[in-house]
Each structure stands twice: as structure tokens, then as C-alpha cells.
C-alpha atoms as a PDB file:
ATOM      1  CA  MET A   1     -31.573  -4.121   4.488  1.00  0.00           C
ATOM      2  CA  LYS A   2     -28.096  -5.040   5.669  1.00  0.00           C
ATOM      3  CA  LYS A   3     -25.591  -5.227   2.838  1.00  0.00           C
ATOM      4  CA  GLU A   4     -24.004  -8.571   2.095  1.00  0.00           C
ATOM      5  CA  TYR A   5     -20.320  -8.406   1.216  1.00  0.00           C
ATOM      6  CA  LYS A   6     -18.927 -10.933  -1.225  1.00  0.00           C
ATOM      7  CA  THR A   7     -15.460 -11.881  -2.409  1.00  0.00           C
ATOM      8  CA  ILE A   8     -14.740 -11.640  -6.131  1.00  0.00           C
ATOM      9  CA  ILE A   9     -13.867 -15.372  -6.117  1.00  0.00           C
ATOM     10  CA  ASN A  10     -14.037 -18.153  -3.546  1.00  0.00           C
ATOM     11  CA  PRO A  11     -10.419 -18.847  -2.584  1.00  0.00           C
ATOM     12  CA  GLU A  12      -9.160 -22.144  -1.207  1.00  0.00           C
ATOM     13  CA  TYR A  13      -7.681 -20.732   2.041  1.00  0.00           C
ATOM     14  CA  GLY A  14      -4.912 -23.310   1.786  1.00  0.00           C
ATOM     15  CA  PRO A  15      -1.866 -23.959   3.982  1.00  0.00           C
ATOM     16  CA  MET A  16       1.185 -21.745   4.176  1.00  0.00           C
ATOM     17  CA  SER A  17       4.121 -22.784   2.023  1.00  0.00           C
ATOM     18  CA  PRO A  18       6.804 -24.657   4.011  1.00  0.00           C
ATOM     19  CA  LYS A  19       9.464 -22.316   2.627  1.00  0.00           C
ATOM     20  CA  VAL A  20       7.895 -19.325   4.374  1.00  0.00           C
ATOM     21  CA  SER A  21       9.578 -17.836   7.420  1.00  0.00           C
ATOM     22  CA  LEU A  22       7.789 -15.274   9.561  1.00  0.00           C
ATOM     23  CA  ASP A  23      10.965 -14.444  11.477  1.00  0.00           C
ATOM     24  CA  PRO A  24      12.204 -12.027  12.567  1.00  0.00           C
ATOM     25  CA  ASP A  25       8.954 -10.535  13.821  1.00  0.00           C
ATOM     26  CA  PHE A  26       9.228  -6.754  14.148  1.00  0.00           C
ATOM     27  CA  PHE A  27       5.501  -6.249  14.628  1.00  0.00           C
ATOM     28  CA  SER A  28       4.142  -8.270  17.538  1.00  0.00           C
ATOM     29  CA  GLY A  29       4.383  -6.406  20.820  1.00  0.00           C
ATOM     30  CA  PHE A  30       5.395  -3.187  19.079  1.00  0.00           C
ATOM     31  CA  HIS A  31       5.597  -0.078  21.268  1.00  0.00           C
ATOM     32  CA  PRO A  32       5.852   3.383  19.676  1.00  0.00           C
ATOM     33  CA  GLU A  33       8.435   4.546  22.208  1.00  0.00           C
ATOM     34  CA  HIS A  34      10.839   1.964  20.741  1.00  0.00           C
ATOM     35  CA  ARG A  35       9.939   2.745  17.125  1.00  0.00           C
ATOM     36  CA  LYS A  36      13.266   4.263  16.063  1.00  0.00           C
ATOM     37  CA  GLU A  37      15.244   1.260  17.274  1.00  0.00           C
ATOM     38  CA  ILE A  38      12.791  -1.333  15.883  1.00  0.00           C
ATOM     39  CA  VAL A  39      12.397   0.339  12.501  1.00  0.00           C
ATOM     40  CA  GLY A  40      16.156   0.704  12.215  1.00  0.00           C
ATOM     41  CA  ARG A  41      16.665  -3.027  12.830  1.00  0.00           C
ATOM     42  CA  GLU A  42      13.877  -3.840  10.393  1.00  0.00           C
ATOM     43  CA  ALA A  43      15.354  -1.668   7.650  1.00  0.00           C
ATOM     44  CA  ARG A  44      18.762  -3.296   8.108  1.00  0.00           C
ATOM     45  CA  PHE A  45      17.249  -6.776   7.959  1.00  0.00           C
ATOM     46  CA  TYR A  46      15.322  -6.170   4.740  1.00  0.00           C
ATOM     47  CA  LYS A  47      18.352  -4.527   3.163  1.00  0.00           C
ATOM     48  CA  SER A  48      20.439  -7.585   4.077  1.00  0.00           C
ATOM     49  CA  ILE A  49      18.093 -10.036   2.352  1.00  0.00           C
ATOM     50  CA  THR A  50      17.515  -7.894  -0.757  1.00  0.00           C
ATOM     51  CA  ASP A  51      21.109  -6.689  -1.298  1.00  0.00           C
ATOM     52  CA  TYR A  52      21.822  -9.608  -3.625  1.00  0.00           C
ATOM     53  CA  PHE A  53      18.971  -8.402  -5.877  1.00  0.00           C
ATOM     54  CA  SER A  54      19.827  -4.698  -5.641  1.00  0.00           C
ATOM     55  CA  VAL A  55      18.933  -2.515  -8.620  1.00  0.00           C
ATOM     56  CA  ASP A  56      20.458   0.640  -7.151  1.00  0.00           C
ATOM     57  CA  ASP A  57      23.008   0.868  -9.974  1.00  0.00           C
ATOM     58  CA  LYS A  58      20.087   1.610 -12.288  1.00  0.00           C
ATOM     59  CA  LEU A  59      18.625   4.424 -10.161  1.00  0.00           C
ATOM     60  CA  ASN A  60      19.174   7.902  -8.848  1.00  0.00           C
ATOM     61  CA  LYS A  61      17.675   7.896  -5.334  1.00  0.00           C
ATOM     62  CA  TYR A  62      17.274  10.981  -3.173  1.00  0.00           C
ATOM     63  CA  TYR A  63      14.949  12.670  -0.693  1.00  0.00           C
ATOM     64  CA  ILE A  64      12.945  15.826  -1.123  1.00  0.00           C
ATOM     65  CA  SER A  65      11.020  17.721   1.533  1.00  0.00           C
ATOM     66  CA  ILE A  66       7.515  19.022   0.968  1.00  0.00           C
ATOM     67  CA  SER A  67       5.124  21.014   3.096  1.00  0.00           C
ATOM     68  CA  SER A  68       2.073  19.018   4.162  1.00  0.00           C
ATOM     69  CA  TYR A  69      -1.470  20.327   4.566  1.00  0.00           C
ATOM     70  CA  ASP A  70      -0.745  21.802   8.022  1.00  0.00           C
ATOM     71  CA  GLY A  71       2.665  23.234   7.166  1.00  0.00           C
ATOM     72  CA  THR A  72       4.663  20.301   8.561  1.00  0.00           C
ATOM     73  CA  GLU A  73       7.623  19.270   6.422  1.00  0.00           C
ATOM     74  CA  ILE A  74       7.566  15.600   5.388  1.00  0.00           C
ATOM     75  CA  LYS A  75      10.136  13.645   3.418  1.00  0.00           C
ATOM     76  CA  VAL A  76       9.493  11.913   0.121  1.00  0.00           C
ATOM     77  CA  LYS A  77      12.061   9.592  -1.426  1.00  0.00           C
ATOM     78  CA  VAL A  78      12.431   9.797  -5.193  1.00  0.00           C
ATOM     79  CA  TYR A  79      13.511   6.808  -7.312  1.00  0.00           C
ATOM     80  CA  GLU A  80      14.540   7.971 -10.783  1.00  0.00           C
ATOM     81  CA  PRO A  81      15.644   5.409 -13.353  1.00  0.00           C
ATOM     82  CA  LEU A  82      18.823   6.388 -15.160  1.00  0.00           C
ATOM     83  CA  LYS A  83      16.945   5.549 -18.353  1.00  0.00           C
ATOM     84  CA  CYS A  84      13.451   7.002 -18.187  1.00  0.00           C
ATOM     85  CA  GLN A  85      10.977   8.094 -20.835  1.00  0.00           C
ATOM     86  CA  LYS A  86       9.942  11.726 -21.056  1.00  0.00           C
ATOM     87  CA  ASN A  87       6.331  12.538 -20.187  1.00  0.00           C
ATOM     88  CA  GLY A  88       6.000   9.085 -18.692  1.00  0.00           C
ATOM     89  CA  PRO A  89       3.944   7.740 -15.783  1.00  0.00           C
ATOM     90  CA  ALA A  90       4.814   7.876 -12.099  1.00  0.00           C
ATOM     91  CA  PHE A  91       3.944   5.701  -9.140  1.00  0.00           C
ATOM     92  CA  VAL A  92       3.484   6.989  -5.585  1.00  0.00           C
ATOM     93  CA  PHE A  93       4.040   4.298  -2.958  1.00  0.00           C
ATOM     94  CA  MET A  94       2.840   4.264   0.660  1.00  0.00           C
ATOM     95  CA  HIS A  95       4.475   1.768   3.005  1.00  0.00           C
ATOM     96  CA  GLY A  96       2.527  -0.454   5.372  1.00  0.00           C
ATOM     97  CA  GLY A  97       3.066  -1.026   9.064  1.00  0.00           C
ATOM     98  CA  GLY A  98      -0.318  -0.817  10.750  1.00  0.00           C
ATOM     99  CA  TRP A  99      -0.274   3.014  10.575  1.00  0.00           C
ATOM    100  CA  MET A 100       2.198   2.966  13.488  1.00  0.00           C
ATOM    101  CA  THR A 101       5.530   1.579  12.286  1.00  0.00           C
ATOM    102  CA  CYS A 102       7.863   0.936   9.333  1.00  0.00           C
ATOM    103  CA  SER A 103       9.312   3.627   7.097  1.00  0.00           C
ATOM    104  CA  VAL A 104      10.420   4.466   3.603  1.00  0.00           C
ATOM    105  CA  GLU A 105      13.669   2.602   4.332  1.00  0.00           C
ATOM    106  CA  THR A 106      12.075  -0.637   5.602  1.00  0.00           C
ATOM    107  CA  HIS A 107      10.259  -0.879   2.270  1.00  0.00           C
ATOM    108  CA  ASP A 108      13.039   0.579   0.100  1.00  0.00           C
ATOM    109  CA  PHE A 109      13.472  -2.453  -2.159  1.00  0.00           C
ATOM    110  CA  VAL A 110       9.857  -2.411  -3.367  1.00  0.00           C
ATOM    111  CA  PRO A 111       9.861   1.061  -4.969  1.00  0.00           C
ATOM    112  CA  SER A 112      13.479   0.547  -6.065  1.00  0.00           C
ATOM    113  CA  TYR A 113      12.590  -2.603  -7.988  1.00  0.00           C
ATOM    114  CA  ILE A 114       9.470  -1.073  -9.541  1.00  0.00           C
ATOM    115  CA  ALA A 115      11.330   2.053 -10.657  1.00  0.00           C
ATOM    116  CA  ALA A 116      14.193   0.081 -12.190  1.00  0.00           C
ATOM    117  CA  LYS A 117      12.151  -2.649 -13.861  1.00  0.00           C
ATOM    118  CA  ALA A 118       9.206  -0.553 -15.040  1.00  0.00           C
ATOM    119  CA  GLN A 119      11.538   2.361 -15.845  1.00  0.00           C
ATOM    120  CA  ILE A 120       9.212   4.895 -14.288  1.00  0.00           C
ATOM    121  CA  VAL A 121       9.755   7.481 -11.563  1.00  0.00           C
ATOM    122  CA  VAL A 122       8.571   6.232  -8.168  1.00  0.00           C
ATOM    123  CA  PHE A 123       7.993   8.228  -4.989  1.00  0.00           C
ATOM    124  CA  SER A 124       7.745   6.846  -1.438  1.00  0.00           C
ATOM    125  CA  ILE A 125       6.208   8.965   1.321  1.00  0.00           C
ATOM    126  CA  GLU A 126       7.505   9.280   4.888  1.00  0.00           C
ATOM    127  CA  TYR A 127       4.094  10.125   6.322  1.00  0.00           C
ATOM    128  CA  ARG A 128       3.458  10.747  10.011  1.00  0.00           C
ATOM    129  CA  LEU A 129       2.563   7.735  12.140  1.00  0.00           C
ATOM    130  CA  ALA A 130       0.003   6.892  14.808  1.00  0.00           C
ATOM    131  CA  PRO A 131      -0.643   6.942  17.682  1.00  0.00           C
ATOM    132  CA  GLU A 132       1.174  10.281  17.924  1.00  0.00           C
ATOM    133  CA  HIS A 133      -0.505  11.423  14.702  1.00  0.00           C
ATOM    134  CA  LYS A 134      -3.951   9.926  14.369  1.00  0.00           C
ATOM    135  CA  PHE A 135      -6.431   9.858  11.492  1.00  0.00           C
ATOM    136  CA  PRO A 136      -6.422  11.675   9.153  1.00  0.00           C
ATOM    137  CA  THR A 137      -2.886  13.084   9.573  1.00  0.00           C
ATOM    138  CA  GLY A 138      -0.884  10.389   7.749  1.00  0.00           C
ATOM    139  CA  LEU A 139      -3.616  10.047   5.145  1.00  0.00           C
ATOM    140  CA  GLU A 140      -3.640  13.776   4.431  1.00  0.00           C
ATOM    141  CA  ASP A 141       0.177  13.756   4.298  1.00  0.00           C
ATOM    142  CA  CYS A 142      -0.057  11.195   1.522  1.00  0.00           C
ATOM    143  CA  TYR A 143      -2.876  12.937  -0.336  1.00  0.00           C
ATOM    144  CA  ASN A 144      -0.930  16.194  -0.154  1.00  0.00           C
ATOM    145  CA  ALA A 145       2.228  14.500  -1.447  1.00  0.00           C
ATOM    146  CA  VAL A 146       0.370  12.956  -4.389  1.00  0.00           C
ATOM    147  CA  SER A 147      -1.131  16.360  -5.186  1.00  0.00           C
ATOM    148  CA  TYR A 148       2.301  18.012  -4.941  1.00  0.00           C
ATOM    149  CA  ILE A 149       3.877  15.450  -7.281  1.00  0.00           C
ATOM    150  CA  ARG A 150       1.110  15.945  -9.800  1.00  0.00           C
ATOM    151  CA  ASP A 151       1.340  19.738  -9.596  1.00  0.00           C
ATOM    152  CA  HIS A 152       5.125  19.588 -10.077  1.00  0.00           C
ATOM    153  CA  ALA A 153       5.122  16.811 -12.688  1.00  0.00           C
ATOM    154  CA  ASN A 154       7.142  18.933 -15.100  1.00  0.00           C
ATOM    155  CA  HIS A 155      10.066  18.914 -12.681  1.00  0.00           C
ATOM    156  CA  TRP A 156      10.493  15.181 -13.306  1.00  0.00           C
ATOM    157  CA  SER A 157       9.271  15.270 -16.929  1.00  0.00           C
ATOM    158  CA  LEU A 158       6.127  13.363 -15.956  1.00  0.00           C
ATOM    159  CA  ASP A 159       2.694  13.283 -17.530  1.00  0.00           C
ATOM    160  CA  PRO A 160       0.386  14.575 -14.736  1.00  0.00           C
ATOM    161  CA  SER A 161      -2.481  12.473 -16.103  1.00  0.00           C
ATOM    162  CA  LYS A 162      -0.463   9.278 -15.517  1.00  0.00           C
ATOM    163  CA  ILE A 163       0.038   9.408 -11.754  1.00  0.00           C
ATOM    164  CA  SER A 164      -0.770   6.118  -9.992  1.00  0.00           C
ATOM    165  CA  VAL A 165      -0.785   5.230  -6.304  1.00  0.00           C
ATOM    166  CA  GLY A 166      -0.203   2.055  -4.354  1.00  0.00           C
ATOM    167  CA  GLY A 167       0.823   0.569  -1.055  1.00  0.00           C
ATOM    168  CA  ASP A 168       0.911  -2.528   1.084  1.00  0.00           C
ATOM    169  CA  SER A 169      -1.366  -3.335   4.043  1.00  0.00           C
ATOM    170  CA  SER A 170      -2.159  -0.027   5.800  1.00  0.00           C
ATOM    171  CA  GLY A 171      -0.403   1.677   2.884  1.00  0.00           C
ATOM    172  CA  GLY A 172      -2.855  -0.139   0.625  1.00  0.00           C
ATOM    173  CA  ASN A 173      -5.628   1.329   2.761  1.00  0.00           C
ATOM    174  CA  PHE A 174      -4.168   4.790   2.119  1.00  0.00           C
ATOM    175  CA  ALA A 175      -3.958   4.141  -1.630  1.00  0.00           C
ATOM    176  CA  ALA A 176      -7.583   2.957  -1.827  1.00  0.00           C
ATOM    177  CA  VAL A 177      -8.781   5.911   0.246  1.00  0.00           C
ATOM    178  CA  ILE A 178      -6.744   8.468  -1.703  1.00  0.00           C
ATOM    179  CA  SER A 179      -8.300   7.166  -4.915  1.00  0.00           C
ATOM    180  CA  GLN A 180     -11.705   7.851  -3.362  1.00  0.00           C
ATOM    181  CA  MET A 181     -10.565  11.241  -2.046  1.00  0.00           C
ATOM    182  CA  THR A 182      -9.303  12.411  -5.449  1.00  0.00           C
ATOM    183  CA  ARG A 183     -12.626  11.421  -6.995  1.00  0.00           C
ATOM    184  CA  ASP A 184     -14.639  13.068  -4.220  1.00  0.00           C
ATOM    185  CA  ARG A 185     -12.632  16.296  -4.085  1.00  0.00           C
ATOM    186  CA  GLY A 186     -12.522  16.607  -7.854  1.00  0.00           C
ATOM    187  CA  LYS A 187      -9.105  18.256  -8.071  1.00  0.00           C
ATOM    188  CA  PHE A 188      -7.611  15.534 -10.275  1.00  0.00           C
ATOM    189  CA  HIS A 189      -8.030  11.888 -11.244  1.00  0.00           C
ATOM    190  CA  LEU A 190      -5.522   9.123 -10.669  1.00  0.00           C
ATOM    191  CA  ASP A 191      -4.468   6.810 -13.461  1.00  0.00           C
ATOM    192  CA  LYS A 192      -4.197   3.480 -11.591  1.00  0.00           C
ATOM    193  CA  GLU A 193      -4.001   2.018  -8.101  1.00  0.00           C
ATOM    194  CA  VAL A 194      -2.029  -0.979  -6.816  1.00  0.00           C
ATOM    195  CA  LEU A 195      -3.403  -2.457  -3.594  1.00  0.00           C
ATOM    196  CA  ILE A 196      -1.092  -4.997  -1.960  1.00  0.00           C
ATOM    197  CA  TYR A 197      -2.969  -7.021   0.692  1.00  0.00           C
ATOM    198  CA  PRO A 198      -4.839  -3.832   1.689  1.00  0.00           C
ATOM    199  CA  VAL A 199      -6.783  -3.162   4.866  1.00  0.00           C
ATOM    200  CA  THR A 200     -10.206  -2.168   3.555  1.00  0.00           C
ATOM    201  CA  ASP A 201     -12.399  -2.714   6.612  1.00  0.00           C
ATOM    202  CA  LEU A 202     -11.802  -1.627  10.212  1.00  0.00           C
ATOM    203  CA  THR A 203     -15.385  -2.053  11.397  1.00  0.00           C
ATOM    204  CA  GLY A 204     -15.080  -5.634  12.625  1.00  0.00           C
ATOM    205  CA  MET A 205     -18.682  -6.109  11.501  1.00  0.00           C
ATOM    206  CA  ILE A 206     -18.179  -8.077   8.274  1.00  0.00           C
ATOM    207  CA  PRO A 207     -17.696 -11.875   8.512  1.00  0.00           C
ATOM    208  CA  LYS A 208     -14.539 -12.956   6.705  1.00  0.00           C
ATOM    209  CA  LYS A 209     -13.414 -16.531   6.355  1.00  0.00           C
ATOM    210  CA  SER A 210      -9.783 -15.481   5.910  1.00  0.00           C
ATOM    211  CA  ALA A 211      -9.867 -13.883   9.365  1.00  0.00           C
ATOM    212  CA  GLU A 212     -11.175 -17.163  10.786  1.00  0.00           C
ATOM    213  CA  VAL A 213      -8.597 -19.370   9.060  1.00  0.00           C
ATOM    214  CA  TYR A 214      -5.453 -17.270   9.507  1.00  0.00           C
ATOM    215  CA  ALA A 215      -4.001 -15.471  12.521  1.00  0.00           C
ATOM    216  CA  PRO A 216      -4.456 -11.697  12.543  1.00  0.00           C
ATOM    217  CA  VAL A 217      -1.580  -9.459  11.532  1.00  0.00           C
ATOM    218  CA  GLY A 218       0.404  -8.908  14.705  1.00  0.00           C
ATOM    219  CA  GLY A 219      -0.790 -12.177  16.257  1.00  0.00           C
ATOM    220  CA  ASP A 220      -3.767 -13.098  18.391  1.00  0.00           C
ATOM    221  CA  ASP A 221      -2.686 -10.585  21.023  1.00  0.00           C
ATOM    222  CA  GLY A 222      -1.909  -7.944  18.426  1.00  0.00           C
ATOM    223  CA  PRO A 223      -2.890  -4.297  18.504  1.00  0.00           C
ATOM    224  CA  ASP A 224      -6.340  -2.816  18.082  1.00  0.00           C
ATOM    225  CA  TYR A 225      -5.648  -0.828  14.939  1.00  0.00           C
ATOM    226  CA  MET A 226      -8.804   1.232  15.216  1.00  0.00           C
ATOM    227  CA  THR A 227      -7.734   2.413  18.670  1.00  0.00           C
ATOM    228  CA  ILE A 228      -4.181   3.154  17.519  1.00  0.00           C
ATOM    229  CA  TYR A 229      -5.021   4.905  14.253  1.00  0.00           C
ATOM    230  CA  ALA A 230      -8.389   6.560  14.833  1.00  0.00           C
ATOM    231  CA  ASN A 231      -9.553   9.127  17.357  1.00  0.00           C
ATOM    232  CA  PRO A 232     -12.097   8.373  20.084  1.00  0.00           C
ATOM    233  CA  GLY A 233     -15.485   8.860  18.508  1.00  0.00           C
ATOM    234  CA  ASP A 234     -14.353   8.279  14.918  1.00  0.00           C
ATOM    235  CA  ASP A 235     -16.826   6.091  13.046  1.00  0.00           C
ATOM    236  CA  SER A 236     -15.100   2.975  11.711  1.00  0.00           C
ATOM    237  CA  ARG A 237     -17.675   2.974   8.895  1.00  0.00           C
ATOM    238  CA  ASN A 238     -16.193   6.195   7.515  1.00  0.00           C
ATOM    239  CA  PRO A 239     -14.975   5.121   4.063  1.00  0.00           C
ATOM    240  CA  TYR A 240     -11.804   7.145   4.570  1.00  0.00           C
ATOM    241  CA  LEU A 241     -11.036   4.715   7.408  1.00  0.00           C
ATOM    242  CA  SER A 242     -12.688   1.636   5.879  1.00  0.00           C
ATOM    243  CA  PRO A 243     -12.795   2.110   2.096  1.00  0.00           C
ATOM    244  CA  LEU A 244     -14.947  -1.021   1.755  1.00  0.00           C
ATOM    245  CA  MET A 245     -17.731   0.975   3.453  1.00  0.00           C
ATOM    246  CA  ALA A 246     -17.999   3.429   0.546  1.00  0.00           C
ATOM    247  CA  SER A 247     -21.466   3.857  -0.905  1.00  0.00           C
ATOM    248  CA  ASP A 248     -20.049   4.586  -4.359  1.00  0.00           C
ATOM    249  CA  PHE A 249     -17.206   2.726  -6.069  1.00  0.00           C
ATOM    250  CA  SER A 250     -17.714   4.248  -9.502  1.00  0.00           C
ATOM    251  CA  CYS A 251     -15.125   6.400 -11.286  1.00  0.00           C
ATOM    252  CA  LEU A 252     -12.208   4.927  -9.361  1.00  0.00           C
ATOM    253  CA  PRO A 253      -8.937   4.178 -11.160  1.00  0.00           C
ATOM    254  CA  GLU A 254      -8.084   0.887 -12.807  1.00  0.00           C
ATOM    255  CA  THR A 255      -6.958  -1.416 -10.023  1.00  0.00           C
ATOM    256  CA  LEU A 256      -4.507  -4.247  -9.435  1.00  0.00           C
ATOM    257  CA  LEU A 257      -4.925  -6.217  -6.206  1.00  0.00           C
ATOM    258  CA  ILE A 258      -2.102  -8.413  -4.899  1.00  0.00           C
ATOM    259  CA  ASN A 259      -2.873 -10.814  -2.051  1.00  0.00           C
ATOM    260  CA  GLY A 260      -1.128 -13.624  -0.235  1.00  0.00           C
ATOM    261  CA  GLU A 261      -3.414 -16.614   0.209  1.00  0.00           C
ATOM    262  CA  CYS A 262      -2.482 -17.213   3.857  1.00  0.00           C
ATOM    263  CA  ASP A 263      -3.390 -13.778   5.154  1.00  0.00           C
ATOM    264  CA  ALA A 264      -6.208 -12.759   7.480  1.00  0.00           C
ATOM    265  CA  LEU A 265      -6.629  -9.726   5.192  1.00  0.00           C
ATOM    266  CA  LEU A 266      -7.230 -11.819   2.060  1.00  0.00           C
ATOM    267  CA  ASP A 267     -10.979 -11.226   2.110  1.00  0.00           C
ATOM    268  CA  ASP A 268     -10.460  -7.479   2.625  1.00  0.00           C
ATOM    269  CA  GLY A 269      -8.858  -7.357  -0.792  1.00  0.00           C
ATOM    270  CA  LEU A 270     -11.230  -9.773  -2.510  1.00  0.00           C
ATOM    271  CA  MET A 271     -14.321  -7.983  -1.181  1.00  0.00           C
ATOM    272  CA  TYR A 272     -12.953  -4.655  -2.368  1.00  0.00           C
ATOM    273  CA  ALA A 273     -12.254  -6.164  -5.789  1.00  0.00           C
ATOM    274  CA  TYR A 274     -15.858  -7.396  -5.939  1.00  0.00           C
ATOM    275  CA  GLU A 275     -17.220  -3.905  -5.213  1.00  0.00           C
ATOM    276  CA  LEU A 276     -14.959  -2.347  -7.834  1.00  0.00           C
ATOM    277  CA  LYS A 277     -15.986  -4.873 -10.475  1.00  0.00           C
ATOM    278  CA  LYS A 278     -19.655  -4.359  -9.623  1.00  0.00           C
ATOM    279  CA  ALA A 279     -19.131  -0.626 -10.232  1.00  0.00           C
ATOM    280  CA  ASN A 280     -17.545  -1.367 -13.632  1.00  0.00           C
ATOM    281  CA  VAL A 281     -14.065  -0.341 -12.520  1.00  0.00           C
ATOM    282  CA  PRO A 282     -11.420  -2.359 -14.402  1.00  0.00           C
ATOM    283  CA  VAL A 283      -9.854  -4.624 -11.795  1.00  0.00           C
ATOM    284  CA  LYS A 284      -7.209  -7.331 -11.901  1.00  0.00           C
ATOM    285  CA  PHE A 285      -6.267  -9.485  -8.961  1.00  0.00           C
ATOM    286  CA  LYS A 286      -3.778 -12.198  -8.123  1.00  0.00           C
ATOM    287  CA  ILE A 287      -3.684 -14.488  -5.094  1.00  0.00           C
ATOM    288  CA  PHE A 288      -0.255 -15.967  -4.392  1.00  0.00           C
ATOM    289  CA  LYS A 289      -0.772 -19.447  -3.004  1.00  0.00           C
ATOM    290  CA  GLY A 290       0.915 -20.304   0.257  1.00  0.00           C
ATOM    291  CA  MET A 291       2.110 -16.736   0.813  1.00  0.00           C
ATOM    292  CA  PRO A 292       1.566 -14.831   4.060  1.00  0.00           C
ATOM    293  CA  HIS A 293       0.993 -11.187   4.817  1.00  0.00           C
ATOM    294  CA  ALA A 294       4.013  -8.969   3.993  1.00  0.00           C
ATOM    295  CA  PHE A 295       5.480 -11.428   1.474  1.00  0.00           C
ATOM    296  CA  ILE A 296       6.205  -8.488  -0.851  1.00  0.00           C
ATOM    297  CA  LEU A 297       9.081  -7.541   1.504  1.00  0.00           C
ATOM    298  CA  ARG A 298      10.796 -10.927   1.215  1.00  0.00           C
ATOM    299  CA  THR A 299      12.686 -12.555  -1.655  1.00  0.00           C
ATOM    300  CA  TYR A 300      10.512 -15.546  -2.536  1.00  0.00           C
ATOM    301  CA  LYS A 301       9.877 -16.443  -6.153  1.00  0.00           C
ATOM    302  CA  GLU A 302       6.339 -15.187  -5.557  1.00  0.00           C
ATOM    303  CA  THR A 303       7.692 -11.835  -4.343  1.00  0.00           C
ATOM    304  CA  PHE A 304       9.333 -11.187  -7.685  1.00  0.00           C
ATOM    305  CA  GLU A 305       6.333 -12.499  -9.607  1.00  0.00           C
ATOM    306  CA  ALA A 306       4.169  -9.989  -7.737  1.00  0.00           C
ATOM    307  CA  LEU A 307       6.619  -7.136  -8.325  1.00  0.00           C
ATOM    308  CA  ASP A 308       6.841  -7.983 -12.034  1.00  0.00           C
ATOM    309  CA  LEU A 309       3.043  -8.048 -12.234  1.00  0.00           C
ATOM    310  CA  ILE A 310       2.954  -4.567 -10.708  1.00  0.00           C
ATOM    311  CA  CYS A 311       5.572  -3.325 -13.175  1.00  0.00           C
ATOM    312  CA  ASP A 312       3.645  -4.704 -16.153  1.00  0.00           C
ATOM    313  CA  PHE A 313       0.415  -3.187 -14.861  1.00  0.00           C
ATOM    314  CA  LEU A 314       1.940   0.258 -14.421  1.00  0.00           C
ATOM    315  CA  LYS A 315       3.534   0.166 -17.871  1.00  0.00           C
ATOM    316  CA  GLU A 316       0.361  -0.914 -19.690  1.00  0.00           C
ATOM    317  CA  ASN A 317      -0.846   1.677 -22.217  1.00  0.00           C
ATOM    318  CA  HIS A 318       2.147   3.912 -21.452  1.00  0.00           C
ATOM    319  CA  LYS A 319       4.768   2.642 -23.887  1.00  0.00           C
END
């Protein structure tokens, strides 16, 4: 019998807030050959709007280089609070961008804010991007980085049992999948996961009202993410591509889901939350009314409410 997917609640699918601006648009019409230029402009834009709220005076920020699963060196940015508890938790962040764009620097304010406000060490991974590096390259980069951080927790005076992961959009997909991978591979268990408007389904087979009400990420003529990210012949039902397709949601880490109401991916998050709750995984979720996809990168009141919610969640039980 065909499985019926449900959302954890029935949202209103209301209108976008009039204060929201979707400009500039760095995503629609993106071409990988222009990535360096586009990502550079994007990073400068987000730095310009978040500079007023900078917390960099409270942090020591630097890059390290680690060897990925195939020997390739990848960069990881470290965000260390100047005041940080010993044997405390850590948070590993994976940026979004449809698996094909953005960088650690486009998303720099998010891990900066979390590190400073939660006073925990945060890591952000510069994983390899599609279409040059297709599934599972970027995913395995991130899994390998999380494993490295856990194995070297003593270097940052971290408790290796308190490593959490998170990300936005395609980075949220990575975080959800890595939580499943750590459970499946049995090497270690993650403490918590933070999924910010995650992509949980690439099959195109599940009806979602949010995808009917709101324009897709990248616009109506946007990219086919399955074609960009996956290889020819890859099954979109593979739970490491579409974590919502997993047959088992048990033994996954405590989860916080952050969604904007006016996002085609809203139901992706709410359906994943439903499956987690059904499997008795502790799950919290918050829908920010009137907010679009990628609102976590802006400076709306709701942006800071979401970031503060993430900080509180990561600090819970670790004081």
C-alpha cells in the first residue's frame, strides 16, 4: 500500500509579509561557471546587511584544513567564543545553496551569531559543490568533517558526545541525512540536529500544498536539483538523497525544525517532523509567519527570533 505522508500540523499557508524583500536574487539563472563571481557578490551583500549586528568581537574565527574521505583537502571555518565552557557542546553547520552554490562566507553571520550567543564552538564546512562534484561527494565531505571534529574534540575542549549538526535548505538536507548516516554506520551518535527549511524529498512524487501555493526555490524556471546534484541512474527515493524516504526514523537525534511559512519547502520540513514524532524522536518546530525561504540570512525580527531559538535549543541540558 502506498504510504501517505502527513504534515505535523496543518499550516495556514498565508501571504508573505510586506516587509520581505527577495532582492537581490543570486539564485535564479545560476550557472556554475560564474560561481566564484556570484558567490563573492552574495557574500559581500550579506556581510553588508549584517555588519551592524556583528558579533565578531566576541569570537576567534579561523580556517582549518582537513582531509576528506578521498584524500581531498577541504576547509572548515571554526568559530570559537572568547568565553567558552570546557567540555561543552559543538555545532557543525552546513550552508545551503541548492548543492551548487553559496559558501561558508555567504552564510558567515549564522554560525557567528550562534557561536557568540550560545557560547559554543561552531564549525562551518566548505564542502564540494555540484554539478562538478555530484552525490555523495559533498555529503561525504560533511560526514567526514563531523567525524573529524568528534575524533579531535579534545583539541577544542569539547565533549564528543555533545556534537550537533544543522544547516539550511540543501544544508538541512545534509544535516538530516548525516543524522541517519551516523545511526546507520554506528560509529557515533549525534546529540541534536537543527533543520532550517530543509529539503527532505527530491522524488517529486509526494503532493505538497506548500509547493502548490508558493513558487519553487529558484523560480518557476529554476534548476532541476535532482539533475544537478545526483548522478544519472541515482534513485531519488534513496534516503541519503531524500531523507523523508527513510524506512526507519527511530534513534535519530533530538530535532529542531525552523521553517518560513511562505516557502515551497514548508511541507518538506513538516512532513519530516511528523515522521520523527511518529518514531518517538523528540522534535520541536517553529513556523515563522510571512517569512520566505532563506529568511535566516536576512535581518528581520523573525531572523533573530529563529537564531535565538536555535541557540536556546543547542544550550538545553548543557549548562
